[in-house]
Amino acid sequence: MDLIDIHSKLQILCDRSPHLHSLKFFSWFAQDEFPFGIKHSSIRQLDLQGPNIVYNQQQCLELSRSFIGQQCEVLFITVKQRTDIIDLINNMKNLRALIVQCTKTMSMQKENENLLEWLQQHLPMTCSI
């Protein structure tokens, strides 16, 4: 079964689940991307964290511009760079909570503290950490 078949079957499953509010996309393979074309009117929470999945800037922008990304209120995701966090926040208008890991800063506690400081300086005043 190829990736197109998997995405198609996922859309069919979503279509048959009218009260679905949360979707977790888990893959062991880095090349398996979330199917950004999925459409579902009631999904408000996306969990896109997996052991080998890290979203780059292009993928974050694609997610934030997608139908499912525009209606998402709670997002779990691992991103490549700290600027990807800002892009998600600025482009996902319904986002209320973002649980994020940034691979560039995961290695050291000092780096995580620097990330918090950096986010405080770059996030809009409407955001809290």
N, C-alpha and C. Protein backbone atom coordinates (compact mmCIF):
# COMPACT_ATOMS: atom_id res chain seq x y z
N MET A 1 0.85 -1.17 0.00
CA MET A 1 0.00 0.00 0.00
C MET A 1 0.90 1.24 0.00
N ASP A 2 0.67 2.14 -0.93
CA ASP A 2 1.50 3.34 -1.00
C ASP A 2 0.90 4.47 -0.18
N LEU A 3 1.63 5.56 -0.08
CA LEU A 3 1.24 6.69 0.76
C LEU A 3 -0.07 7.32 0.31
N ILE A 4 -0.32 7.37 -0.99
CA ILE A 4 -1.56 7.94 -1.50
C ILE A 4 -2.75 7.10 -1.05
N ASP A 5 -2.62 5.78 -1.09
CA ASP A 5 -3.69 4.89 -0.62
C ASP A 5 -3.94 5.09 0.87
N ILE A 6 -2.89 5.24 1.64
CA ILE A 6 -3.02 5.45 3.08
C ILE A 6 -3.76 6.76 3.36
N HIS A 7 -3.38 7.82 2.68
CA HIS A 7 -4.03 9.12 2.87
C HIS A 7 -5.50 9.06 2.46
N SER A 8 -5.78 8.35 1.38
CA SER A 8 -7.16 8.20 0.91
C SER A 8 -8.00 7.44 1.93
N LYS A 9 -7.45 6.37 2.47
CA LYS A 9 -8.17 5.58 3.48
C LYS A 9 -8.37 6.38 4.77
N LEU A 10 -7.39 7.20 5.12
CA LEU A 10 -7.53 8.06 6.30
C LEU A 10 -8.66 9.07 6.09
N GLN A 11 -8.77 9.65 4.90
CA GLN A 11 -9.86 10.58 4.62
C GLN A 11 -11.21 9.88 4.71
N ILE A 12 -11.29 8.66 4.17
CA ILE A 12 -12.54 7.89 4.25
C ILE A 12 -12.90 7.62 5.70
N LEU A 13 -11.92 7.23 6.51
CA LEU A 13 -12.15 6.98 7.93
C LEU A 13 -12.64 8.25 8.63
N CYS A 14 -12.03 9.38 8.31
CA CYS A 14 -12.46 10.66 8.89
C CYS A 14 -13.89 10.98 8.47
N ASP A 15 -14.21 10.75 7.21
CA ASP A 15 -15.56 11.02 6.70
C ASP A 15 -16.61 10.18 7.43
N ARG A 16 -16.23 9.01 7.88
CA ARG A 16 -17.15 8.11 8.59
C ARG A 16 -17.18 8.36 10.09
N SER A 17 -16.44 9.35 10.54
CA SER A 17 -16.36 9.66 11.98
C SER A 17 -16.74 11.11 12.21
N PRO A 18 -18.04 11.42 12.16
CA PRO A 18 -18.46 12.83 12.22
C PRO A 18 -18.16 13.53 13.54
N HIS A 19 -17.96 12.79 14.61
CA HIS A 19 -17.71 13.42 15.91
C HIS A 19 -16.26 13.32 16.34
N LEU A 20 -15.38 13.15 15.39
CA LEU A 20 -13.95 13.05 15.67
C LEU A 20 -13.40 14.43 16.01
N HIS A 21 -12.81 14.56 17.19
CA HIS A 21 -12.29 15.86 17.64
C HIS A 21 -10.77 15.90 17.70
N SER A 22 -10.15 14.72 17.74
CA SER A 22 -8.70 14.65 17.91
C SER A 22 -8.13 13.62 16.95
N LEU A 23 -6.95 13.93 16.40
CA LEU A 23 -6.30 13.01 15.48
C LEU A 23 -4.82 12.95 15.81
N LYS A 24 -4.32 11.73 15.99
CA LYS A 24 -2.90 11.52 16.25
C LYS A 24 -2.31 10.82 15.03
N PHE A 25 -1.28 11.43 14.46
CA PHE A 25 -0.58 10.85 13.32
C PHE A 25 0.78 10.40 13.81
N PHE A 26 0.98 9.09 13.83
CA PHE A 26 2.20 8.52 14.38
C PHE A 26 2.85 7.64 13.32
N SER A 27 4.12 7.85 13.10
CA SER A 27 4.85 7.04 12.14
C SER A 27 6.27 6.84 12.63
N TRP A 28 6.80 5.68 12.35
CA TRP A 28 8.19 5.40 12.70
C TRP A 28 9.14 5.90 11.63
N PHE A 29 8.58 6.28 10.49
CA PHE A 29 9.42 6.63 9.35
C PHE A 29 9.37 8.13 9.08
N ALA A 30 10.53 8.73 8.97
CA ALA A 30 10.63 10.18 8.78
C ALA A 30 10.01 10.62 7.46
N GLN A 31 9.99 9.77 6.46
CA GLN A 31 9.46 10.17 5.17
C GLN A 31 7.94 10.18 5.12
N ASP A 32 7.27 9.63 6.13
CA ASP A 32 5.81 9.64 6.18
C ASP A 32 5.34 10.98 6.71
N GLU A 33 4.80 11.79 5.82
CA GLU A 33 4.31 13.11 6.21
C GLU A 33 2.82 13.04 6.53
N PHE A 34 2.40 13.93 7.40
CA PHE A 34 0.99 14.06 7.69
C PHE A 34 0.26 14.46 6.41
N PRO A 35 -0.88 13.84 6.14
CA PRO A 35 -1.63 14.19 4.93
C PRO A 35 -2.35 15.53 5.09
N PHE A 36 -1.70 16.59 4.68
CA PHE A 36 -2.22 17.94 4.88
C PHE A 36 -3.54 18.18 4.17
N GLY A 37 -3.89 17.34 3.21
CA GLY A 37 -5.14 17.51 2.47
C GLY A 37 -6.37 16.98 3.19
N ILE A 38 -6.20 16.37 4.35
CA ILE A 38 -7.33 15.84 5.11
C ILE A 38 -8.30 16.97 5.45
N LYS A 39 -9.59 16.70 5.26
CA LYS A 39 -10.62 17.68 5.60
C LYS A 39 -11.60 17.02 6.54
N HIS A 40 -11.86 17.69 7.65
CA HIS A 40 -12.83 17.21 8.62
C HIS A 40 -13.27 18.40 9.45
N SER A 41 -14.57 18.58 9.57
CA SER A 41 -15.07 19.82 10.19
C SER A 41 -14.98 19.86 11.71
N SER A 42 -14.81 18.72 12.37
CA SER A 42 -14.82 18.77 13.84
C SER A 42 -13.47 18.50 14.50
N ILE A 43 -12.44 18.17 13.74
CA ILE A 43 -11.12 17.92 14.34
C ILE A 43 -10.54 19.25 14.80
N ARG A 44 -10.23 19.32 16.09
CA ARG A 44 -9.67 20.54 16.68
C ARG A 44 -8.30 20.30 17.32
N GLN A 45 -7.93 19.04 17.49
CA GLN A 45 -6.65 18.72 18.12
C GLN A 45 -5.86 17.77 17.23
N LEU A 46 -4.60 18.15 16.97
CA LEU A 46 -3.70 17.32 16.17
C LEU A 46 -2.47 16.98 16.98
N ASP A 47 -2.13 15.70 17.00
CA ASP A 47 -0.89 15.26 17.63
C ASP A 47 -0.01 14.69 16.52
N LEU A 48 1.01 15.44 16.15
CA LEU A 48 1.88 15.06 15.04
C LEU A 48 3.27 14.66 15.50
N GLN A 49 3.40 14.35 16.78
CA GLN A 49 4.71 13.96 17.29
C GLN A 49 4.91 12.46 17.16
N GLY A 50 6.05 12.09 16.62
CA GLY A 50 6.44 10.70 16.50
C GLY A 50 7.92 10.60 16.76
N PRO A 51 8.45 9.40 16.88
CA PRO A 51 9.86 9.24 17.25
C PRO A 51 10.84 9.79 16.22
N ASN A 52 10.46 9.81 14.96
CA ASN A 52 11.39 10.25 13.91
C ASN A 52 10.82 11.36 13.05
N ILE A 53 9.76 12.01 13.50
CA ILE A 53 9.11 13.02 12.67
C ILE A 53 9.44 14.41 13.19
N VAL A 54 10.09 15.19 12.34
CA VAL A 54 10.43 16.58 12.65
C VAL A 54 9.96 17.41 11.46
N TYR A 55 9.15 18.42 11.73
CA TYR A 55 8.60 19.25 10.66
C TYR A 55 9.52 20.43 10.39
N ASN A 56 9.85 20.63 9.11
CA ASN A 56 10.69 21.77 8.72
C ASN A 56 9.80 22.98 8.40
N GLN A 57 10.42 24.07 8.01
CA GLN A 57 9.68 25.31 7.76
C GLN A 57 8.61 25.12 6.68
N GLN A 58 8.96 24.48 5.60
CA GLN A 58 8.00 24.28 4.51
C GLN A 58 6.81 23.44 4.97
N GLN A 59 7.06 22.39 5.72
CA GLN A 59 5.98 21.53 6.21
C GLN A 59 5.10 22.28 7.21
N CYS A 60 5.71 23.10 8.06
CA CYS A 60 4.94 23.89 9.02
C CYS A 60 4.04 24.88 8.30
N LEU A 61 4.56 25.53 7.26
CA LEU A 61 3.74 26.46 6.48
C LEU A 61 2.62 25.72 5.76
N GLU A 62 2.92 24.55 5.23
CA GLU A 62 1.89 23.75 4.55
C GLU A 62 0.80 23.34 5.54
N LEU A 63 1.19 22.92 6.73
CA LEU A 63 0.21 22.58 7.76
C LEU A 63 -0.63 23.79 8.13
N SER A 64 0.01 24.91 8.38
CA SER A 64 -0.71 26.10 8.84
C SER A 64 -1.68 26.64 7.79
N ARG A 65 -1.43 26.38 6.54
CA ARG A 65 -2.30 26.86 5.45
C ARG A 65 -3.38 25.85 5.07
N SER A 66 -3.27 24.63 5.57
CA SER A 66 -4.23 23.59 5.22
C SER A 66 -5.55 23.80 5.95
N PHE A 67 -6.59 23.16 5.46
CA PHE A 67 -7.91 23.24 6.07
C PHE A 67 -7.85 22.79 7.53
N ILE A 68 -7.23 21.64 7.76
CA ILE A 68 -7.17 21.09 9.11
C ILE A 68 -6.29 21.94 10.02
N GLY A 69 -5.26 22.55 9.46
CA GLY A 69 -4.40 23.44 10.23
C GLY A 69 -5.09 24.73 10.62
N GLN A 70 -5.95 25.24 9.75
CA GLN A 70 -6.66 26.48 10.03
C GLN A 70 -7.70 26.31 11.14
N GLN A 71 -8.25 25.13 11.30
CA GLN A 71 -9.26 24.93 12.35
C GLN A 71 -8.67 24.34 13.63
N CYS A 72 -7.40 23.96 13.60
CA CYS A 72 -6.74 23.34 14.75
C CYS A 72 -6.65 24.31 15.93
N GLU A 73 -7.01 23.82 17.10
CA GLU A 73 -6.92 24.61 18.33
C GLU A 73 -5.79 24.15 19.24
N VAL A 74 -5.48 22.86 19.21
CA VAL A 74 -4.42 22.29 20.05
C VAL A 74 -3.51 21.46 19.14
N LEU A 75 -2.21 21.78 19.18
CA LEU A 75 -1.26 21.11 18.30
C LEU A 75 -0.06 20.61 19.08
N PHE A 76 0.26 19.33 18.89
CA PHE A 76 1.48 18.72 19.41
C PHE A 76 2.38 18.48 18.20
N ILE A 77 3.61 19.01 18.23
CA ILE A 77 4.47 18.90 17.06
C ILE A 77 5.94 19.06 17.45
N THR A 78 6.81 18.45 16.67
CA THR A 78 8.25 18.64 16.81
C THR A 78 8.72 19.37 15.56
N VAL A 79 9.40 20.50 15.77
CA VAL A 79 9.86 21.32 14.64
C VAL A 79 11.37 21.38 14.62
N LYS A 80 11.89 21.78 13.48
CA LYS A 80 13.33 21.82 13.28
C LYS A 80 13.96 23.06 13.91
N GLN A 81 13.34 24.23 13.70
CA GLN A 81 13.93 25.48 14.16
C GLN A 81 12.94 26.28 14.98
N ARG A 82 13.44 27.15 15.81
CA ARG A 82 12.58 27.97 16.65
C ARG A 82 11.70 28.92 15.85
N THR A 83 12.16 29.34 14.68
CA THR A 83 11.34 30.23 13.86
C THR A 83 10.09 29.52 13.34
N ASP A 84 10.13 28.19 13.27
CA ASP A 84 8.95 27.42 12.86
C ASP A 84 7.82 27.58 13.88
N ILE A 85 8.17 27.74 15.13
CA ILE A 85 7.18 27.95 16.19
C ILE A 85 6.43 29.25 15.93
N ILE A 86 7.16 30.30 15.63
CA ILE A 86 6.55 31.60 15.36
C ILE A 86 5.65 31.52 14.13
N ASP A 87 6.12 30.84 13.09
CA ASP A 87 5.31 30.68 11.87
C ASP A 87 3.99 29.98 12.18
N LEU A 88 4.03 28.92 12.97
CA LEU A 88 2.80 28.21 13.32
C LEU A 88 1.85 29.12 14.09
N ILE A 89 2.36 29.82 15.07
CA ILE A 89 1.52 30.71 15.88
C ILE A 89 0.91 31.82 15.05
N ASN A 90 1.70 32.41 14.18
CA ASN A 90 1.21 33.53 13.36
C ASN A 90 0.22 33.10 12.28
N ASN A 91 0.32 31.87 11.82
CA ASN A 91 -0.51 31.43 10.69
C ASN A 91 -1.71 30.58 11.07
N MET A 92 -1.71 30.01 12.27
CA MET A 92 -2.84 29.17 12.69
C MET A 92 -3.72 29.99 13.62
N LYS A 93 -4.72 30.62 13.04
CA LYS A 93 -5.53 31.64 13.73
C LYS A 93 -6.37 31.08 14.88
N ASN A 94 -6.73 29.82 14.87
CA ASN A 94 -7.55 29.25 15.94
C ASN A 94 -6.74 28.54 17.01
N LEU A 95 -5.43 28.57 16.91
CA LEU A 95 -4.56 27.86 17.84
C LEU A 95 -4.66 28.45 19.24
N ARG A 96 -5.02 27.60 20.22
CA ARG A 96 -5.09 28.02 21.62
C ARG A 96 -3.92 27.48 22.43
N ALA A 97 -3.43 26.29 22.03
CA ALA A 97 -2.33 25.65 22.77
C ALA A 97 -1.39 24.98 21.79
N LEU A 98 -0.10 25.19 22.02
CA LEU A 98 0.93 24.58 21.18
C LEU A 98 1.92 23.87 22.10
N ILE A 99 1.99 22.57 21.95
CA ILE A 99 2.95 21.76 22.70
C ILE A 99 4.01 21.38 21.69
N VAL A 100 5.20 21.95 21.85
CA VAL A 100 6.19 21.86 20.79
C VAL A 100 7.55 21.47 21.34
N GLN A 101 8.27 20.70 20.55
CA GLN A 101 9.68 20.41 20.80
C GLN A 101 10.44 20.96 19.61
N CYS A 102 11.59 21.54 19.89
CA CYS A 102 12.43 22.09 18.84
C CYS A 102 13.75 21.31 18.85
N THR A 103 14.07 20.64 17.75
CA THR A 103 15.24 19.76 17.72
C THR A 103 16.55 20.51 17.86
N LYS A 104 16.58 21.75 17.47
CA LYS A 104 17.83 22.53 17.56
C LYS A 104 18.18 22.86 19.01
N THR A 105 17.21 22.74 19.93
CA THR A 105 17.47 23.14 21.32
C THR A 105 17.21 22.02 22.32
N MET A 106 16.94 20.83 21.87
CA MET A 106 16.58 19.77 22.81
C MET A 106 17.78 19.20 23.57
N SER A 107 18.98 19.46 23.14
CA SER A 107 20.13 18.78 23.71
C SER A 107 20.57 19.30 25.08
N MET A 108 20.35 20.57 25.37
CA MET A 108 20.90 21.13 26.61
C MET A 108 19.88 22.00 27.33
N GLN A 109 19.91 21.95 28.66
CA GLN A 109 19.02 22.76 29.48
C GLN A 109 19.24 24.24 29.21
N LYS A 110 20.48 24.66 29.10
CA LYS A 110 20.79 26.07 28.83
C LYS A 110 20.14 26.54 27.53
N GLU A 111 20.19 25.69 26.53
CA GLU A 111 19.57 26.03 25.24
C GLU A 111 18.06 26.18 25.40
N ASN A 112 17.43 25.32 26.21
CA ASN A 112 16.00 25.43 26.44
C ASN A 112 15.65 26.74 27.13
N GLU A 113 16.48 27.15 28.08
CA GLU A 113 16.26 28.44 28.73
C GLU A 113 16.38 29.57 27.71
N ASN A 114 17.36 29.46 26.83
CA ASN A 114 17.52 30.46 25.78
C ASN A 114 16.32 30.47 24.84
N LEU A 115 15.75 29.31 24.57
CA LEU A 115 14.57 29.23 23.72
C LEU A 115 13.41 29.96 24.38
N LEU A 116 13.22 29.76 25.68
CA LEU A 116 12.14 30.45 26.38
C LEU A 116 12.31 31.96 26.31
N GLU A 117 13.51 32.42 26.54
CA GLU A 117 13.79 33.86 26.44
C GLU A 117 13.53 34.36 25.03
N TRP A 118 13.99 33.62 24.05
CA TRP A 118 13.81 34.00 22.66
C TRP A 118 12.33 34.08 22.30
N LEU A 119 11.55 33.07 22.74
CA LEU A 119 10.12 33.07 22.46
C LEU A 119 9.43 34.27 23.11
N GLN A 120 9.80 34.59 24.33
CA GLN A 120 9.20 35.74 25.00
C GLN A 120 9.46 37.03 24.23
N GLN A 121 10.60 37.12 23.59
CA GLN A 121 10.94 38.31 22.82
C GLN A 121 10.24 38.36 21.46
N HIS A 122 9.90 37.21 20.90
CA HIS A 122 9.39 37.16 19.53
C HIS A 122 7.90 36.84 19.40
N LEU A 123 7.29 36.38 20.47
CA LEU A 123 5.86 36.07 20.39
C LEU A 123 5.02 37.32 20.56
N PRO A 124 3.83 37.33 19.96
CA PRO A 124 2.92 38.46 20.19
C PRO A 124 2.52 38.53 21.67
N MET A 125 2.11 39.69 22.10
CA MET A 125 1.72 39.90 23.50
C MET A 125 0.52 39.04 23.90
N THR A 126 -0.24 38.57 22.94
CA THR A 126 -1.41 37.75 23.24
C THR A 126 -1.04 36.32 23.62
N CYS A 127 0.21 35.96 23.48
CA CYS A 127 0.67 34.60 23.79
C CYS A 127 1.29 34.54 25.18
N SER A 128 1.10 33.39 25.83
CA SER A 128 1.76 33.17 27.12
C SER A 128 2.51 31.84 27.06
N ILE A 129 3.59 31.79 27.83
CA ILE A 129 4.42 30.58 27.86
C ILE A 129 4.27 29.92 29.22
